Amino acid sequence: MILDQIFISNKKQNKSGEVDVQSSEKPMRSILKTISWRVIGTLDTIVISWLITGHIALALSIGSIELVTKMVLYFFHERIWNKIKWGK
C-alpha cells in the first residue's frame, strides 16, 4: 500500500479517468540533483588531478573551477532535456 502511494504519487487522473504520469521536474529538483552530482564529480576530478600532478593545491584549484562550470552546464542540460518529450 505504501509502495503504491510512492509510485503513484507522481500520477494524476485526467478528465477521462485515465492516469497521467507527470513528465517534468520542478527546477528545485534539478538544482538539488545538479549539486549532488557535482559533489561526486568534483571529488573525482580532485583525486585524479592530485594523482596526475602530485600537488593537492593544484588539484583543489582545478576541482573548484570545474565545480562551478559543470554545475551550470548540467543545470541547463537537465532543463533542456526536461522539455524534450521523446522517450517519456
C-alpha atoms as a PDB file:
ATOM      1  CA  MET A   1       0.000   0.000   0.000  1.00  0.00           C
ATOM      2  CA  ILE A   2       2.742   2.488   0.915  1.00  0.00           C
ATOM      3  CA  LEU A   3       4.795   1.488  -2.112  1.00  0.00           C
ATOM      4  CA  ASP A   4       1.754   2.059  -4.321  1.00  0.00           C
ATOM      5  CA  GLN A   5       1.461   5.599  -2.989  1.00  0.00           C
ATOM      6  CA  ILE A   6       5.136   6.261  -3.620  1.00  0.00           C
ATOM      7  CA  PHE A   7       4.911   5.103  -7.220  1.00  0.00           C
ATOM      8  CA  ILE A   8       1.504   6.652  -7.877  1.00  0.00           C
ATOM      9  CA  SER A   9       2.287   9.970  -6.167  1.00  0.00           C
ATOM     10  CA  ASN A  10       3.572  11.452  -9.417  1.00  0.00           C
ATOM     11  CA  LYS A  11       0.470  10.329 -11.318  1.00  0.00           C
ATOM     12  CA  LYS A  12      -2.883  12.040 -11.633  1.00  0.00           C
ATOM     13  CA  GLN A  13      -6.153  11.286 -13.368  1.00  0.00           C
ATOM     14  CA  ASN A  14      -7.229  13.348 -16.325  1.00  0.00           C
ATOM     15  CA  LYS A  15     -10.859  14.234 -17.097  1.00  0.00           C
ATOM     16  CA  SER A  16     -11.492  10.895 -18.811  1.00  0.00           C
ATOM     17  CA  GLY A  17     -10.314   8.981 -15.730  1.00  0.00           C
ATOM     18  CA  GLU A  18      -7.034   7.820 -17.267  1.00  0.00           C
ATOM     19  CA  VAL A  19      -3.874   8.077 -15.181  1.00  0.00           C
ATOM     20  CA  ASP A  20      -1.312  10.573 -16.489  1.00  0.00           C
ATOM     21  CA  VAL A  21       2.297  10.491 -15.335  1.00  0.00           C
ATOM     22  CA  GLN A  22       3.739  13.917 -14.683  1.00  0.00           C
ATOM     23  CA  SER A  23       6.702  14.109 -17.005  1.00  0.00           C
ATOM     24  CA  SER A  24       8.506  17.224 -15.857  1.00  0.00           C
ATOM     25  CA  GLU A  25      10.560  18.091 -12.849  1.00  0.00           C
ATOM     26  CA  LYS A  26      10.480  21.304 -10.889  1.00  0.00           C
ATOM     27  CA  PRO A  27      13.605  23.482 -11.183  1.00  0.00           C
ATOM     28  CA  MET A  28      14.475  22.970  -7.481  1.00  0.00           C
ATOM     29  CA  ARG A  29      14.736  19.203  -8.035  1.00  0.00           C
ATOM     30  CA  SER A  30      17.094  19.829 -10.957  1.00  0.00           C
ATOM     31  CA  ILE A  31      19.164  22.155  -8.767  1.00  0.00           C
ATOM     32  CA  LEU A  32      19.496  19.565  -5.982  1.00  0.00           C
ATOM     33  CA  LYS A  33      20.364  16.824  -8.481  1.00  0.00           C
ATOM     34  CA  THR A  34      22.940  19.159 -10.004  1.00  0.00           C
ATOM     35  CA  ILE A  35      24.607  19.845  -6.660  1.00  0.00           C
ATOM     36  CA  SER A  36      24.705  16.214  -5.526  1.00  0.00           C
ATOM     37  CA  TRP A  37      26.127  15.049  -8.845  1.00  0.00           C
ATOM     38  CA  ARG A  38      28.738  17.802  -8.892  1.00  0.00           C
ATOM     39  CA  VAL A  39      29.991  16.937  -5.418  1.00  0.00           C
ATOM     40  CA  ILE A  40      30.681  13.401  -6.628  1.00  0.00           C
ATOM     41  CA  GLY A  41      32.180  14.580  -9.916  1.00  0.00           C
ATOM     42  CA  THR A  42      34.358  17.236  -8.299  1.00  0.00           C
ATOM     43  CA  LEU A  43      35.787  14.819  -5.756  1.00  0.00           C
ATOM     44  CA  ASP A  44      36.655  12.529  -8.651  1.00  0.00           C
ATOM     45  CA  THR A  45      38.345  15.393 -10.534  1.00  0.00           C
ATOM     46  CA  ILE A  46      40.333  16.455  -7.464  1.00  0.00           C
ATOM     47  CA  VAL A  47      41.612  12.922  -6.833  1.00  0.00           C
ATOM     48  CA  ILE A  48      42.553  12.400 -10.481  1.00  0.00           C
ATOM     49  CA  SER A  49      44.224  15.832 -10.678  1.00  0.00           C
ATOM     50  CA  TRP A  50      46.160  15.099  -7.482  1.00  0.00           C
ATOM     51  CA  LEU A  51      47.309  11.719  -8.782  1.00  0.00           C
ATOM     52  CA  ILE A  52      48.460  13.220 -12.094  1.00  0.00           C
ATOM     53  CA  THR A  53      50.089  16.416 -10.787  1.00  0.00           C
ATOM     54  CA  GLY A  54      51.166  15.329  -7.315  1.00  0.00           C
ATOM     55  CA  HIS A  55      50.095  18.740  -5.966  1.00  0.00           C
ATOM     56  CA  ILE A  56      46.987  18.944  -3.798  1.00  0.00           C
ATOM     57  CA  ALA A  57      46.751  22.757  -4.148  1.00  0.00           C
ATOM     58  CA  LEU A  58      46.658  22.476  -7.937  1.00  0.00           C
ATOM     59  CA  ALA A  59      44.132  19.630  -7.713  1.00  0.00           C
ATOM     60  CA  LEU A  60      41.858  21.709  -5.463  1.00  0.00           C
ATOM     61  CA  SER A  61      42.170  24.660  -7.852  1.00  0.00           C
ATOM     62  CA  ILE A  62      41.187  22.524 -10.841  1.00  0.00           C
ATOM     63  CA  GLY A  63      38.327  20.970  -8.868  1.00  0.00           C
ATOM     64  CA  SER A  64      36.913  24.321  -7.729  1.00  0.00           C
ATOM     65  CA  ILE A  65      36.825  25.744 -11.254  1.00  0.00           C
ATOM     66  CA  GLU A  66      35.312  22.537 -12.602  1.00  0.00           C
ATOM     67  CA  LEU A  67      32.685  22.514  -9.828  1.00  0.00           C
ATOM     68  CA  VAL A  68      31.159  25.836 -10.871  1.00  0.00           C
ATOM     69  CA  THR A  69      31.333  25.470 -14.649  1.00  0.00           C
ATOM     70  CA  LYS A  70      29.937  21.956 -14.788  1.00  0.00           C
ATOM     71  CA  MET A  71      27.148  22.708 -12.322  1.00  0.00           C
ATOM     72  CA  VAL A  72      25.864  25.494 -14.561  1.00  0.00           C
ATOM     73  CA  LEU A  73      26.201  23.369 -17.693  1.00  0.00           C
ATOM     74  CA  TYR A  74      24.430  20.394 -16.086  1.00  0.00           C
ATOM     75  CA  PHE A  75      21.518  22.506 -14.847  1.00  0.00           C
ATOM     76  CA  PHE A  76      20.783  23.877 -18.314  1.00  0.00           C
ATOM     77  CA  HIS A  77      21.340  20.456 -19.891  1.00  0.00           C
ATOM     78  CA  GLU A  78      18.796  18.950 -17.457  1.00  0.00           C
ATOM     79  CA  ARG A  79      16.229  21.713 -18.084  1.00  0.00           C
ATOM     80  CA  ILE A  80      16.531  21.338 -21.871  1.00  0.00           C
ATOM     81  CA  TRP A  81      16.081  17.555 -21.683  1.00  0.00           C
ATOM     82  CA  ASN A  82      13.076  18.088 -19.419  1.00  0.00           C
ATOM     83  CA  LYS A  83      11.353  19.888 -22.311  1.00  0.00           C
ATOM     84  CA  ILE A  84      12.003  17.073 -24.795  1.00  0.00           C
ATOM     85  CA  LYS A  85       9.028  14.709 -24.981  1.00  0.00           C
ATOM     86  CA  TRP A  86      10.926  11.890 -26.698  1.00  0.00           C
ATOM     87  CA  GLY A  87      11.198   8.763 -24.539  1.00  0.00           C
ATOM     88  CA  LYS A  88       8.765   9.888 -21.819  1.00  0.00           C
END
